């Protein structure tokens, strides 16, 4: 269960990162990326809670196995959506940083 608490802390850190992205990027880009990241994090957290309730997850390693093997489509899609949202936001931040804008 300690791993799940660590996972929750990581999701909270991702939410803080999304707020930083909202500040770093001009409107409306920052807001759109922040919303995409926050929604993906919320769906991931809800999926983990559902899996906890059904007794399929006991540790963070179980969450990772379920995502890697695709045992839970709901959790897999939420995790991949979160990863894609974060990757897109970082790509835009790097691109804007390289262009000086």
N, C-alpha and C. Protein backbone atom coordinates (compact mmCIF):
# COMPACT_ATOMS: atom_id res chain seq x y z
N UNK A 1 0.82 -1.19 0.00
CA UNK A 1 0.00 0.00 0.00
C UNK A 1 0.87 1.27 0.00
N UNK A 2 2.09 1.14 0.50
CA UNK A 2 3.01 2.28 0.51
C UNK A 2 3.30 2.75 -0.92
N UNK A 3 3.37 1.80 -1.86
CA UNK A 3 3.60 2.14 -3.26
C UNK A 3 2.45 2.93 -3.86
N UNK A 4 1.24 2.61 -3.44
CA UNK A 4 0.07 3.33 -3.95
C UNK A 4 0.09 4.77 -3.44
N UNK A 5 0.51 4.97 -2.20
CA UNK A 5 0.63 6.33 -1.69
C UNK A 5 1.69 7.11 -2.46
N UNK A 6 2.77 6.45 -2.82
CA UNK A 6 3.80 7.08 -3.64
C UNK A 6 3.22 7.45 -5.01
N UNK A 7 2.41 6.56 -5.56
CA UNK A 7 1.76 6.82 -6.85
C UNK A 7 0.84 8.05 -6.74
N UNK A 8 0.12 8.17 -5.63
CA UNK A 8 -0.75 9.33 -5.41
C UNK A 8 0.07 10.61 -5.33
N UNK A 9 1.22 10.55 -4.66
CA UNK A 9 2.10 11.72 -4.57
C UNK A 9 2.62 12.10 -5.96
N UNK A 10 2.95 11.09 -6.77
CA UNK A 10 3.40 11.36 -8.13
C UNK A 10 2.30 12.02 -8.95
N UNK A 11 1.06 11.58 -8.78
CA UNK A 11 -0.05 12.22 -9.50
C UNK A 11 -0.24 13.67 -9.04
N UNK A 12 -0.06 13.94 -7.76
CA UNK A 12 -0.14 15.32 -7.27
C UNK A 12 1.00 16.17 -7.84
N UNK A 13 2.17 15.57 -7.97
CA UNK A 13 3.29 16.29 -8.59
C UNK A 13 2.99 16.61 -10.05
N UNK A 14 2.36 15.67 -10.74
CA UNK A 14 1.98 15.91 -12.13
C UNK A 14 0.97 17.05 -12.22
N UNK A 15 0.06 17.13 -11.26
CA UNK A 15 -0.89 18.24 -11.24
C UNK A 15 -0.18 19.57 -11.04
N UNK A 16 0.83 19.59 -10.17
CA UNK A 16 1.62 20.82 -9.97
C UNK A 16 2.38 21.19 -11.24
N UNK A 17 2.89 20.18 -11.93
CA UNK A 17 3.59 20.43 -13.20
C UNK A 17 2.64 21.03 -14.22
N UNK A 18 1.41 20.54 -14.24
CA UNK A 18 0.44 21.07 -15.21
C UNK A 18 0.14 22.54 -14.93
N UNK A 19 0.09 22.91 -13.66
CA UNK A 19 -0.12 24.32 -13.33
C UNK A 19 1.08 25.15 -13.76
N UNK A 20 2.29 24.60 -13.62
CA UNK A 20 3.48 25.29 -14.10
C UNK A 20 3.48 25.46 -15.60
N UNK A 21 3.01 24.46 -16.31
CA UNK A 21 2.90 24.55 -17.77
C UNK A 21 1.88 25.61 -18.16
N UNK A 22 0.80 25.70 -17.38
CA UNK A 22 -0.20 26.72 -17.65
C UNK A 22 0.39 28.11 -17.51
N UNK A 23 1.28 28.29 -16.55
CA UNK A 23 1.92 29.59 -16.36
C UNK A 23 2.97 29.85 -17.43
N UNK A 24 3.71 28.80 -17.81
CA UNK A 24 4.83 28.97 -18.74
C UNK A 24 4.39 29.24 -20.17
N UNK A 25 3.28 28.66 -20.57
CA UNK A 25 2.82 28.83 -21.95
C UNK A 25 1.76 29.92 -22.01
N UNK A 26 1.75 30.68 -23.09
CA UNK A 26 0.74 31.73 -23.21
C UNK A 26 -0.65 31.14 -23.40
N UNK A 27 -1.63 31.96 -23.12
CA UNK A 27 -3.02 31.54 -23.30
C UNK A 27 -3.32 31.45 -24.78
N UNK A 28 -4.08 30.56 -25.26
CA UNK A 28 -4.81 29.46 -24.63
C UNK A 28 -4.02 28.15 -24.57
N UNK A 29 -2.79 28.13 -25.12
CA UNK A 29 -2.02 26.89 -25.15
C UNK A 29 -1.79 26.31 -23.77
N UNK A 30 -1.36 27.14 -22.83
CA UNK A 30 -1.08 26.66 -21.49
C UNK A 30 -2.30 26.07 -20.82
N UNK A 31 -3.43 26.74 -20.98
CA UNK A 31 -4.66 26.24 -20.37
C UNK A 31 -5.09 24.92 -20.99
N UNK A 32 -4.95 24.79 -22.30
CA UNK A 32 -5.36 23.54 -22.96
C UNK A 32 -4.48 22.37 -22.52
N UNK A 33 -3.18 22.59 -22.45
CA UNK A 33 -2.29 21.52 -21.99
C UNK A 33 -2.55 21.18 -20.53
N UNK A 34 -2.77 22.20 -19.70
CA UNK A 34 -3.04 21.95 -18.29
C UNK A 34 -4.33 21.16 -18.11
N UNK A 35 -5.35 21.50 -18.86
CA UNK A 35 -6.62 20.77 -18.77
C UNK A 35 -6.43 19.33 -19.22
N UNK A 36 -5.71 19.12 -20.31
CA UNK A 36 -5.49 17.76 -20.80
C UNK A 36 -4.73 16.93 -19.78
N UNK A 37 -3.71 17.51 -19.16
CA UNK A 37 -2.92 16.78 -18.16
C UNK A 37 -3.76 16.51 -16.92
N UNK A 38 -4.50 17.50 -16.45
CA UNK A 38 -5.30 17.31 -15.24
C UNK A 38 -6.41 16.28 -15.46
N UNK A 39 -7.05 16.30 -16.61
CA UNK A 39 -8.09 15.30 -16.89
C UNK A 39 -7.49 13.90 -16.97
N UNK A 40 -6.35 13.78 -17.62
CA UNK A 40 -5.69 12.48 -17.72
C UNK A 40 -5.27 11.97 -16.35
N UNK A 41 -4.75 12.87 -15.51
CA UNK A 41 -4.36 12.48 -14.15
C UNK A 41 -5.57 12.06 -13.33
N UNK A 42 -6.68 12.77 -13.50
CA UNK A 42 -7.90 12.42 -12.78
C UNK A 42 -8.43 11.06 -13.21
N UNK A 43 -8.42 10.78 -14.53
CA UNK A 43 -8.87 9.48 -15.01
C UNK A 43 -7.93 8.37 -14.54
N UNK A 44 -6.63 8.66 -14.50
CA UNK A 44 -5.68 7.65 -14.00
C UNK A 44 -5.93 7.37 -12.53
N UNK A 45 -6.12 8.41 -11.73
CA UNK A 45 -6.38 8.23 -10.31
C UNK A 45 -7.68 7.46 -10.08
N UNK A 46 -8.72 7.81 -10.84
CA UNK A 46 -9.99 7.10 -10.71
C UNK A 46 -9.85 5.63 -11.10
N UNK A 47 -9.08 5.37 -12.15
CA UNK A 47 -8.87 3.98 -12.58
C UNK A 47 -8.11 3.19 -11.53
N UNK A 48 -7.11 3.81 -10.92
CA UNK A 48 -6.37 3.12 -9.85
C UNK A 48 -7.29 2.85 -8.66
N UNK A 49 -8.15 3.80 -8.33
CA UNK A 49 -9.09 3.60 -7.23
C UNK A 49 -10.07 2.46 -7.52
N UNK A 50 -10.54 2.39 -8.76
CA UNK A 50 -11.44 1.29 -9.14
C UNK A 50 -10.72 -0.05 -9.03
N UNK A 51 -9.48 -0.09 -9.52
CA UNK A 51 -8.72 -1.34 -9.43
C UNK A 51 -8.42 -1.71 -7.98
N UNK A 52 -8.17 -0.73 -7.13
CA UNK A 52 -7.98 -0.99 -5.70
C UNK A 52 -9.25 -1.56 -5.09
N UNK A 53 -10.37 -0.96 -5.46
CA UNK A 53 -11.65 -1.42 -4.92
C UNK A 53 -11.99 -2.84 -5.33
N UNK A 54 -11.59 -3.22 -6.54
CA UNK A 54 -11.87 -4.56 -7.02
C UNK A 54 -10.81 -5.57 -6.57
N UNK A 55 -9.78 -5.10 -5.88
CA UNK A 55 -8.77 -5.98 -5.31
C UNK A 55 -7.72 -6.48 -6.28
N UNK A 56 -7.60 -5.85 -7.44
CA UNK A 56 -6.60 -6.27 -8.42
C UNK A 56 -5.24 -5.62 -8.22
N UNK A 57 -5.22 -4.56 -7.44
CA UNK A 57 -3.99 -3.79 -7.25
C UNK A 57 -3.68 -3.73 -5.76
N UNK A 58 -2.44 -4.06 -5.39
CA UNK A 58 -2.01 -3.93 -4.01
C UNK A 58 -0.77 -3.04 -3.87
N UNK A 59 -0.04 -2.87 -4.97
CA UNK A 59 1.21 -2.12 -4.91
C UNK A 59 1.40 -1.41 -6.25
N UNK A 60 2.35 -0.49 -6.28
CA UNK A 60 2.61 0.23 -7.52
C UNK A 60 3.10 -0.71 -8.61
N UNK A 61 3.81 -1.75 -8.24
CA UNK A 61 4.27 -2.73 -9.22
C UNK A 61 3.09 -3.39 -9.94
N UNK A 62 1.99 -3.60 -9.20
CA UNK A 62 0.79 -4.17 -9.81
C UNK A 62 0.19 -3.21 -10.83
N UNK A 63 0.23 -1.92 -10.51
CA UNK A 63 -0.29 -0.91 -11.46
C UNK A 63 0.54 -0.94 -12.74
N UNK A 64 1.86 -0.98 -12.58
CA UNK A 64 2.74 -0.98 -13.75
C UNK A 64 2.53 -2.24 -14.59
N UNK A 65 2.35 -3.40 -13.94
CA UNK A 65 2.11 -4.64 -14.67
C UNK A 65 0.81 -4.57 -15.45
N UNK A 66 -0.22 -4.00 -14.83
CA UNK A 66 -1.52 -3.91 -15.49
C UNK A 66 -1.45 -2.99 -16.72
N UNK A 67 -0.68 -1.92 -16.61
CA UNK A 67 -0.53 -1.01 -17.75
C UNK A 67 0.31 -1.67 -18.84
N UNK A 68 1.41 -2.32 -18.46
CA UNK A 68 2.29 -2.95 -19.44
C UNK A 68 1.62 -4.09 -20.20
N UNK A 69 0.85 -4.90 -19.47
CA UNK A 69 0.22 -6.07 -20.10
C UNK A 69 -1.15 -5.76 -20.67
N UNK A 70 -1.72 -4.62 -20.33
CA UNK A 70 -3.04 -4.26 -20.84
C UNK A 70 -4.16 -5.02 -20.16
N UNK A 71 -3.94 -5.49 -18.94
CA UNK A 71 -4.98 -6.24 -18.21
C UNK A 71 -6.20 -5.39 -17.92
N UNK A 72 -5.98 -4.12 -17.68
CA UNK A 72 -7.08 -3.19 -17.44
C UNK A 72 -7.05 -2.14 -18.54
N UNK A 73 -7.97 -2.24 -19.47
CA UNK A 73 -8.00 -1.30 -20.59
C UNK A 73 -8.22 0.13 -20.09
N UNK A 74 -9.07 0.27 -19.10
CA UNK A 74 -9.37 1.59 -18.54
C UNK A 74 -8.10 2.24 -17.98
N UNK A 75 -7.33 1.49 -17.19
CA UNK A 75 -6.11 2.02 -16.59
C UNK A 75 -5.03 2.24 -17.65
N UNK A 76 -4.94 1.35 -18.61
CA UNK A 76 -3.94 1.48 -19.67
C UNK A 76 -4.19 2.73 -20.50
N UNK A 77 -5.44 2.96 -20.90
CA UNK A 77 -5.76 4.15 -21.70
C UNK A 77 -5.54 5.43 -20.92
N UNK A 78 -5.89 5.43 -19.63
CA UNK A 78 -5.69 6.62 -18.81
C UNK A 78 -4.21 6.93 -18.65
N UNK A 79 -3.40 5.90 -18.43
CA UNK A 79 -1.95 6.10 -18.25
C UNK A 79 -1.30 6.57 -19.54
N UNK A 80 -1.69 5.97 -20.67
CA UNK A 80 -1.12 6.41 -21.93
C UNK A 80 -1.58 7.82 -22.29
N UNK A 81 -2.82 8.16 -21.98
CA UNK A 81 -3.30 9.53 -22.20
C UNK A 81 -2.52 10.54 -21.38
N UNK A 82 -2.22 10.17 -20.15
CA UNK A 82 -1.43 11.05 -19.28
C UNK A 82 -0.02 11.23 -19.83
N UNK A 83 0.58 10.14 -20.25
CA UNK A 83 1.93 10.21 -20.83
C UNK A 83 1.98 11.04 -22.09
N UNK A 84 1.00 10.86 -22.95
CA UNK A 84 0.96 11.63 -24.21
C UNK A 84 0.73 13.11 -23.95
N UNK A 85 -0.13 13.43 -22.99
CA UNK A 85 -0.37 14.84 -22.65
C UNK A 85 0.89 15.50 -22.11
N UNK A 86 1.58 14.79 -21.22
CA UNK A 86 2.83 15.34 -20.68
C UNK A 86 3.89 15.49 -21.76
N UNK A 87 4.01 14.49 -22.63
CA UNK A 87 5.00 14.56 -23.70
C UNK A 87 4.71 15.71 -24.65
N UNK A 88 3.45 15.91 -24.99
CA UNK A 88 3.09 17.01 -25.88
C UNK A 88 3.40 18.36 -25.25
N UNK A 89 3.09 18.51 -23.97
CA UNK A 89 3.36 19.77 -23.29
C UNK A 89 4.86 20.05 -23.20
N UNK A 90 5.64 19.04 -22.89
CA UNK A 90 7.09 19.23 -22.81
C UNK A 90 7.66 19.54 -24.18
N UNK A 91 7.15 18.89 -25.21
CA UNK A 91 7.61 19.17 -26.58
C UNK A 91 7.36 20.63 -26.95
N UNK A 92 6.18 21.14 -26.62
CA UNK A 92 5.87 22.54 -26.94
C UNK A 92 6.76 23.47 -26.12
N UNK A 93 6.97 23.14 -24.85
CA UNK A 93 7.84 23.99 -24.02
C UNK A 93 9.27 24.03 -24.58
N UNK A 94 9.79 22.89 -24.97
CA UNK A 94 11.14 22.84 -25.53
C UNK A 94 11.20 23.58 -26.86
N UNK A 95 10.20 23.37 -27.69
CA UNK A 95 10.17 24.03 -29.00
C UNK A 95 10.11 25.53 -28.84
N UNK A 96 9.26 26.02 -27.94
CA UNK A 96 9.18 27.46 -27.72
C UNK A 96 10.46 28.00 -27.09
N UNK A 97 11.10 27.18 -26.25
CA UNK A 97 12.37 27.61 -25.64
C UNK A 97 13.48 27.71 -26.66
N UNK A 98 13.50 26.78 -27.63
CA UNK A 98 14.53 26.81 -28.66
C UNK A 98 14.32 27.97 -29.62
N UNK A 99 13.08 28.35 -29.84
CA UNK A 99 12.79 29.46 -30.75
C UNK A 99 12.87 30.80 -30.05
N UNK A 100 12.98 30.77 -28.72
CA UNK A 100 13.10 32.02 -27.98
C UNK A 100 11.79 32.73 -27.80
N UNK A 101 10.68 32.02 -27.96
CA UNK A 101 9.38 32.68 -27.87
C UNK A 101 8.73 32.39 -26.59
